[in-house]
Amino acid sequence: MARILAVDDSRSMRQMVAFTLSSAGHEIAEAEDGQQALNLAQSGAYDLVLADVNMPVMDGISLVRKLRELPSYRFTPVLMLTTEAGDDKKSEGRSAGATGWIVKPFNPEQLLSTISRVLS
């Protein structure tokens, strides 16, 4: 299965995501903000990054921009998992390089289906 980096400042959200994904056989690493996620991404390889938009230190859209600057993450799927549902924010995410957008609260089956689709 895939190595996935889950990034969210909410511990309970990271736990729900990690439980859902690890139950499906994925290996999960967690970060609580964009800077911590960027540090992990620079020191290891992940098949997919799942990030919140609104976080301290570095927000999710800034994280996407920074990841896209790294040669090893230029084509890695990055899904935004956020409460932000506005078209402006989605457009900003797309232009930064986000692969997809999932609105919280998430449906575990939808999350797994979306991840399966972007990884295939």
N, C-alpha and C. Protein backbone atom coordinates (compact mmCIF):
# COMPACT_ATOMS: atom_id res chain seq x y z
N MET A 1 0.84 -1.19 0.00
CA MET A 1 0.00 0.00 0.00
C MET A 1 0.88 1.25 0.00
N ALA A 2 0.26 2.40 0.18
CA ALA A 2 0.96 3.67 0.02
C ALA A 2 1.49 4.22 1.34
N ARG A 3 2.55 5.02 1.22
CA ARG A 3 3.05 5.81 2.35
C ARG A 3 2.39 7.18 2.23
N ILE A 4 1.62 7.56 3.25
CA ILE A 4 0.84 8.80 3.19
C ILE A 4 1.23 9.71 4.34
N LEU A 5 1.41 10.99 4.03
CA LEU A 5 1.69 12.01 5.03
C LEU A 5 0.41 12.77 5.30
N ALA A 6 -0.11 12.67 6.53
CA ALA A 6 -1.34 13.34 6.94
C ALA A 6 -0.98 14.58 7.75
N VAL A 7 -1.46 15.74 7.29
CA VAL A 7 -1.07 17.02 7.89
C VAL A 7 -2.32 17.77 8.36
N ASP A 8 -2.43 17.98 9.66
CA ASP A 8 -3.57 18.71 10.22
C ASP A 8 -3.18 19.17 11.61
N ASP A 9 -3.57 20.39 11.98
CA ASP A 9 -3.24 20.88 13.31
C ASP A 9 -4.15 20.29 14.39
N SER A 10 -5.22 19.62 13.98
CA SER A 10 -6.12 18.98 14.93
C SER A 10 -5.67 17.54 15.17
N ARG A 11 -5.30 17.23 16.39
CA ARG A 11 -4.85 15.88 16.73
C ARG A 11 -5.96 14.87 16.46
N SER A 12 -7.20 15.21 16.82
CA SER A 12 -8.30 14.25 16.63
C SER A 12 -8.54 13.98 15.14
N MET A 13 -8.39 15.00 14.29
CA MET A 13 -8.54 14.79 12.85
C MET A 13 -7.42 13.91 12.31
N ARG A 14 -6.19 14.16 12.76
CA ARG A 14 -5.07 13.30 12.34
C ARG A 14 -5.32 11.87 12.76
N GLN A 15 -5.84 11.66 13.97
CA GLN A 15 -6.11 10.31 14.46
C GLN A 15 -7.18 9.62 13.63
N MET A 16 -8.25 10.37 13.27
CA MET A 16 -9.32 9.77 12.44
C MET A 16 -8.79 9.40 11.06
N VAL A 17 -8.01 10.29 10.47
CA VAL A 17 -7.43 10.01 9.15
C VAL A 17 -6.48 8.83 9.24
N ALA A 18 -5.60 8.83 10.23
CA ALA A 18 -4.63 7.74 10.38
C ALA A 18 -5.34 6.41 10.59
N PHE A 19 -6.38 6.39 11.41
CA PHE A 19 -7.13 5.16 11.65
C PHE A 19 -7.76 4.65 10.36
N THR A 20 -8.41 5.55 9.62
CA THR A 20 -9.07 5.17 8.37
C THR A 20 -8.06 4.62 7.37
N LEU A 21 -6.94 5.30 7.21
CA LEU A 21 -5.97 4.90 6.19
C LEU A 21 -5.15 3.68 6.61
N SER A 22 -4.78 3.60 7.88
CA SER A 22 -4.00 2.43 8.31
C SER A 22 -4.87 1.18 8.31
N SER A 23 -6.17 1.33 8.58
CA SER A 23 -7.09 0.18 8.52
C SER A 23 -7.18 -0.38 7.10
N ALA A 24 -6.91 0.48 6.11
CA ALA A 24 -6.93 0.05 4.71
C ALA A 24 -5.55 -0.42 4.25
N GLY A 25 -4.58 -0.47 5.18
CA GLY A 25 -3.27 -1.00 4.85
C GLY A 25 -2.21 0.02 4.50
N HIS A 26 -2.54 1.31 4.57
CA HIS A 26 -1.56 2.35 4.25
C HIS A 26 -0.65 2.62 5.44
N GLU A 27 0.56 3.08 5.15
CA GLU A 27 1.51 3.48 6.18
C GLU A 27 1.37 4.99 6.34
N ILE A 28 1.15 5.46 7.58
CA ILE A 28 0.85 6.87 7.81
C ILE A 28 1.92 7.55 8.64
N ALA A 29 2.31 8.75 8.20
CA ALA A 29 3.13 9.64 9.01
C ALA A 29 2.27 10.88 9.26
N GLU A 30 2.45 11.51 10.40
CA GLU A 30 1.63 12.65 10.76
C GLU A 30 2.47 13.90 11.00
N ALA A 31 1.91 15.05 10.63
CA ALA A 31 2.52 16.35 10.92
C ALA A 31 1.42 17.29 11.36
N GLU A 32 1.75 18.21 12.27
CA GLU A 32 0.72 19.11 12.80
C GLU A 32 0.69 20.48 12.14
N ASP A 33 1.60 20.74 11.23
CA ASP A 33 1.55 21.98 10.46
C ASP A 33 2.36 21.80 9.18
N GLY A 34 2.24 22.77 8.29
CA GLY A 34 2.89 22.66 6.99
C GLY A 34 4.40 22.59 7.06
N GLN A 35 5.00 23.34 7.99
CA GLN A 35 6.46 23.32 8.10
C GLN A 35 6.97 21.96 8.54
N GLN A 36 6.29 21.37 9.52
CA GLN A 36 6.68 20.03 9.98
C GLN A 36 6.51 19.02 8.84
N ALA A 37 5.43 19.17 8.07
CA ALA A 37 5.20 18.28 6.92
C ALA A 37 6.28 18.45 5.87
N LEU A 38 6.67 19.68 5.59
CA LEU A 38 7.72 19.92 4.60
C LEU A 38 9.03 19.28 5.06
N ASN A 39 9.35 19.42 6.35
CA ASN A 39 10.57 18.79 6.88
C ASN A 39 10.53 17.27 6.70
N LEU A 40 9.38 16.66 7.01
CA LEU A 40 9.24 15.21 6.83
C LEU A 40 9.35 14.82 5.36
N ALA A 41 8.73 15.60 4.49
CA ALA A 41 8.76 15.31 3.04
C ALA A 41 10.18 15.40 2.49
N GLN A 42 10.96 16.34 3.01
CA GLN A 42 12.34 16.50 2.54
C GLN A 42 13.25 15.38 3.02
N SER A 43 12.85 14.71 4.12
CA SER A 43 13.70 13.65 4.64
C SER A 43 13.18 12.25 4.34
N GLY A 44 12.05 12.15 3.64
CA GLY A 44 11.49 10.85 3.31
C GLY A 44 10.59 10.93 2.10
N ALA A 45 10.27 9.78 1.54
CA ALA A 45 9.42 9.74 0.35
C ALA A 45 8.01 9.30 0.73
N TYR A 46 7.03 10.05 0.27
CA TYR A 46 5.62 9.71 0.48
C TYR A 46 4.93 9.60 -0.87
N ASP A 47 3.99 8.69 -0.95
CA ASP A 47 3.25 8.48 -2.20
C ASP A 47 2.11 9.48 -2.35
N LEU A 48 1.67 10.07 -1.22
CA LEU A 48 0.55 11.00 -1.24
C LEU A 48 0.63 11.87 0.01
N VAL A 49 0.23 13.13 -0.13
CA VAL A 49 0.14 14.04 1.01
C VAL A 49 -1.31 14.47 1.13
N LEU A 50 -1.82 14.41 2.35
CA LEU A 50 -3.20 14.78 2.66
C LEU A 50 -3.10 15.92 3.67
N ALA A 51 -3.51 17.14 3.28
CA ALA A 51 -3.26 18.30 4.15
C ALA A 51 -4.48 19.18 4.35
N ASP A 52 -4.59 19.71 5.56
CA ASP A 52 -5.58 20.73 5.89
C ASP A 52 -5.13 22.04 5.25
N VAL A 53 -6.04 22.99 5.12
CA VAL A 53 -5.68 24.30 4.59
C VAL A 53 -5.25 25.22 5.72
N ASN A 54 -6.09 25.36 6.74
CA ASN A 54 -5.84 26.32 7.82
C ASN A 54 -5.06 25.68 8.95
N MET A 55 -3.76 26.06 9.02
CA MET A 55 -2.87 25.54 10.07
C MET A 55 -1.90 26.64 10.47
N PRO A 56 -1.38 26.58 11.70
CA PRO A 56 -0.37 27.54 12.11
C PRO A 56 0.98 27.25 11.43
N VAL A 57 1.89 28.15 11.56
CA VAL A 57 3.26 28.07 11.05
C VAL A 57 3.29 28.11 9.52
N MET A 58 2.71 27.13 8.84
CA MET A 58 2.59 27.15 7.38
C MET A 58 1.26 26.50 7.01
N ASP A 59 0.44 27.23 6.27
CA ASP A 59 -0.86 26.69 5.86
C ASP A 59 -0.70 25.65 4.75
N GLY A 60 -1.79 24.94 4.47
CA GLY A 60 -1.74 23.85 3.50
C GLY A 60 -1.45 24.29 2.08
N ILE A 61 -1.96 25.43 1.66
CA ILE A 61 -1.71 25.88 0.28
C ILE A 61 -0.25 26.29 0.11
N SER A 62 0.33 26.93 1.13
CA SER A 62 1.77 27.23 1.09
C SER A 62 2.58 25.95 1.06
N LEU A 63 2.13 24.95 1.80
CA LEU A 63 2.80 23.64 1.79
C LEU A 63 2.79 23.05 0.38
N VAL A 64 1.65 23.10 -0.29
CA VAL A 64 1.57 22.57 -1.66
C VAL A 64 2.58 23.27 -2.56
N ARG A 65 2.64 24.60 -2.48
CA ARG A 65 3.60 25.35 -3.30
C ARG A 65 5.04 24.90 -3.03
N LYS A 66 5.38 24.76 -1.74
CA LYS A 66 6.74 24.34 -1.36
C LYS A 66 7.03 22.91 -1.83
N LEU A 67 6.05 22.01 -1.70
CA LEU A 67 6.25 20.63 -2.17
C LEU A 67 6.48 20.60 -3.67
N ARG A 68 5.72 21.39 -4.43
CA ARG A 68 5.85 21.40 -5.88
C ARG A 68 7.20 21.94 -6.34
N GLU A 69 7.91 22.65 -5.47
CA GLU A 69 9.26 23.13 -5.80
C GLU A 69 10.30 22.02 -5.67
N LEU A 70 9.96 20.95 -4.94
CA LEU A 70 10.89 19.84 -4.75
C LEU A 70 10.76 18.85 -5.91
N PRO A 71 11.85 18.52 -6.59
CA PRO A 71 11.76 17.59 -7.72
C PRO A 71 11.06 16.28 -7.39
N SER A 72 11.27 15.74 -6.19
CA SER A 72 10.67 14.45 -5.84
C SER A 72 9.18 14.55 -5.53
N TYR A 73 8.64 15.75 -5.41
CA TYR A 73 7.21 15.94 -5.12
C TYR A 73 6.47 16.70 -6.22
N ARG A 74 7.14 16.88 -7.34
CA ARG A 74 6.51 17.62 -8.44
C ARG A 74 5.22 16.96 -8.91
N PHE A 75 5.18 15.62 -8.89
CA PHE A 75 4.01 14.89 -9.40
C PHE A 75 3.31 14.05 -8.32
N THR A 76 3.72 14.20 -7.08
CA THR A 76 3.09 13.46 -5.98
C THR A 76 1.68 14.02 -5.74
N PRO A 77 0.67 13.15 -5.65
CA PRO A 77 -0.68 13.66 -5.37
C PRO A 77 -0.74 14.36 -4.01
N VAL A 78 -1.37 15.54 -3.99
CA VAL A 78 -1.59 16.28 -2.75
C VAL A 78 -3.08 16.58 -2.68
N LEU A 79 -3.75 15.99 -1.70
CA LEU A 79 -5.17 16.22 -1.50
C LEU A 79 -5.37 17.14 -0.32
N MET A 80 -6.25 18.12 -0.48
CA MET A 80 -6.59 19.01 0.62
C MET A 80 -7.82 18.42 1.32
N LEU A 81 -7.73 18.28 2.64
CA LEU A 81 -8.83 17.78 3.46
C LEU A 81 -9.14 18.91 4.45
N THR A 82 -10.22 19.64 4.19
CA THR A 82 -10.44 20.89 4.89
C THR A 82 -11.91 21.24 5.05
N THR A 83 -12.19 22.17 5.95
CA THR A 83 -13.55 22.70 6.08
C THR A 83 -13.81 23.77 5.02
N GLU A 84 -12.77 24.24 4.37
CA GLU A 84 -12.90 25.28 3.34
C GLU A 84 -13.58 24.69 2.11
N ALA A 85 -14.75 25.23 1.75
CA ALA A 85 -15.48 24.69 0.61
C ALA A 85 -15.70 25.72 -0.49
N GLY A 86 -15.21 26.95 -0.30
CA GLY A 86 -15.43 28.02 -1.27
C GLY A 86 -14.65 27.82 -2.56
N ASP A 87 -15.25 28.26 -3.66
CA ASP A 87 -14.61 28.13 -4.97
C ASP A 87 -13.29 28.90 -5.04
N ASP A 88 -13.22 30.07 -4.38
CA ASP A 88 -11.98 30.86 -4.40
C ASP A 88 -10.83 30.09 -3.78
N LYS A 89 -11.09 29.46 -2.64
CA LYS A 89 -10.04 28.70 -1.94
C LYS A 89 -9.65 27.47 -2.76
N LYS A 90 -10.64 26.79 -3.36
CA LYS A 90 -10.35 25.62 -4.20
C LYS A 90 -9.50 26.03 -5.40
N SER A 91 -9.83 27.17 -5.99
CA SER A 91 -9.08 27.67 -7.14
C SER A 91 -7.64 28.00 -6.73
N GLU A 92 -7.49 28.60 -5.56
CA GLU A 92 -6.16 28.91 -5.06
C GLU A 92 -5.37 27.62 -4.84
N GLY A 93 -6.04 26.59 -4.32
CA GLY A 93 -5.38 25.30 -4.11
C GLY A 93 -4.96 24.66 -5.42
N ARG A 94 -5.85 24.70 -6.41
CA ARG A 94 -5.52 24.13 -7.73
C ARG A 94 -4.34 24.85 -8.35
N SER A 95 -4.34 26.18 -8.28
CA SER A 95 -3.23 26.91 -8.90
C SER A 95 -1.92 26.69 -8.16
N ALA A 96 -1.99 26.34 -6.87
CA ALA A 96 -0.77 26.01 -6.11
C ALA A 96 -0.26 24.62 -6.48
N GLY A 97 -1.15 23.77 -7.01
CA GLY A 97 -0.73 22.44 -7.42
C GLY A 97 -1.44 21.30 -6.70
N ALA A 98 -2.51 21.63 -5.94
CA ALA A 98 -3.26 20.57 -5.26
C ALA A 98 -3.93 19.66 -6.28
N THR A 99 -3.94 18.37 -6.00
CA THR A 99 -4.52 17.38 -6.89
C THR A 99 -6.03 17.30 -6.74
N GLY A 100 -6.52 17.45 -5.50
CA GLY A 100 -7.94 17.33 -5.24
C GLY A 100 -8.33 17.99 -3.93
N TRP A 101 -9.64 17.99 -3.66
CA TRP A 101 -10.18 18.72 -2.51
C TRP A 101 -11.28 17.88 -1.88
N ILE A 102 -11.15 17.59 -0.59
CA ILE A 102 -12.16 16.85 0.15
C ILE A 102 -12.60 17.73 1.32
N VAL A 103 -13.91 17.91 1.47
CA VAL A 103 -14.42 18.78 2.52
C VAL A 103 -14.73 17.97 3.78
N LYS A 104 -14.28 18.49 4.93
CA LYS A 104 -14.58 17.89 6.23
C LYS A 104 -16.02 18.24 6.61
N PRO A 105 -16.69 17.42 7.38
CA PRO A 105 -16.23 16.11 7.85
C PRO A 105 -16.19 15.13 6.69
N PHE A 106 -15.20 14.27 6.68
CA PHE A 106 -15.03 13.35 5.56
C PHE A 106 -15.75 12.03 5.81
N ASN A 107 -16.13 11.40 4.73
CA ASN A 107 -16.71 10.06 4.75
C ASN A 107 -15.53 9.11 4.51
N PRO A 108 -15.27 8.17 5.43
CA PRO A 108 -14.11 7.28 5.27
C PRO A 108 -14.06 6.55 3.92
N GLU A 109 -15.20 6.07 3.45
CA GLU A 109 -15.22 5.37 2.15
C GLU A 109 -14.87 6.33 1.01
N GLN A 110 -15.37 7.55 1.08
CA GLN A 110 -15.05 8.55 0.05
C GLN A 110 -13.56 8.87 0.07
N LEU A 111 -13.00 9.02 1.26
CA LEU A 111 -11.58 9.32 1.38
C LEU A 111 -10.74 8.19 0.77
N LEU A 112 -11.05 6.95 1.13
CA LEU A 112 -10.32 5.81 0.58
C LEU A 112 -10.48 5.68 -0.92
N SER A 113 -11.69 5.94 -1.41
CA SER A 113 -11.96 5.86 -2.85
C SER A 113 -11.16 6.94 -3.60
N THR A 114 -11.14 8.15 -3.05
CA THR A 114 -10.41 9.24 -3.70
C THR A 114 -8.92 8.95 -3.72
N ILE A 115 -8.39 8.47 -2.60
CA ILE A 115 -6.97 8.14 -2.53
C ILE A 115 -6.64 7.02 -3.51
N SER A 116 -7.46 6.02 -3.57
CA SER A 116 -7.24 4.92 -4.52
C SER A 116 -7.21 5.44 -5.95
N ARG A 117 -8.12 6.35 -6.25
CA ARG A 117 -8.21 6.90 -7.62
C ARG A 117 -6.97 7.71 -7.97
N VAL A 118 -6.50 8.58 -7.06
CA VAL A 118 -5.35 9.41 -7.42
C VAL A 118 -4.03 8.64 -7.40
N LEU A 119 -4.00 7.51 -6.72
CA LEU A 119 -2.77 6.71 -6.68
C LEU A 119 -2.66 5.73 -7.84
N SER A 120 -3.78 5.51 -8.55
CA SER A 120 -3.73 4.52 -9.63
C SER A 120 -3.28 5.13 -10.95
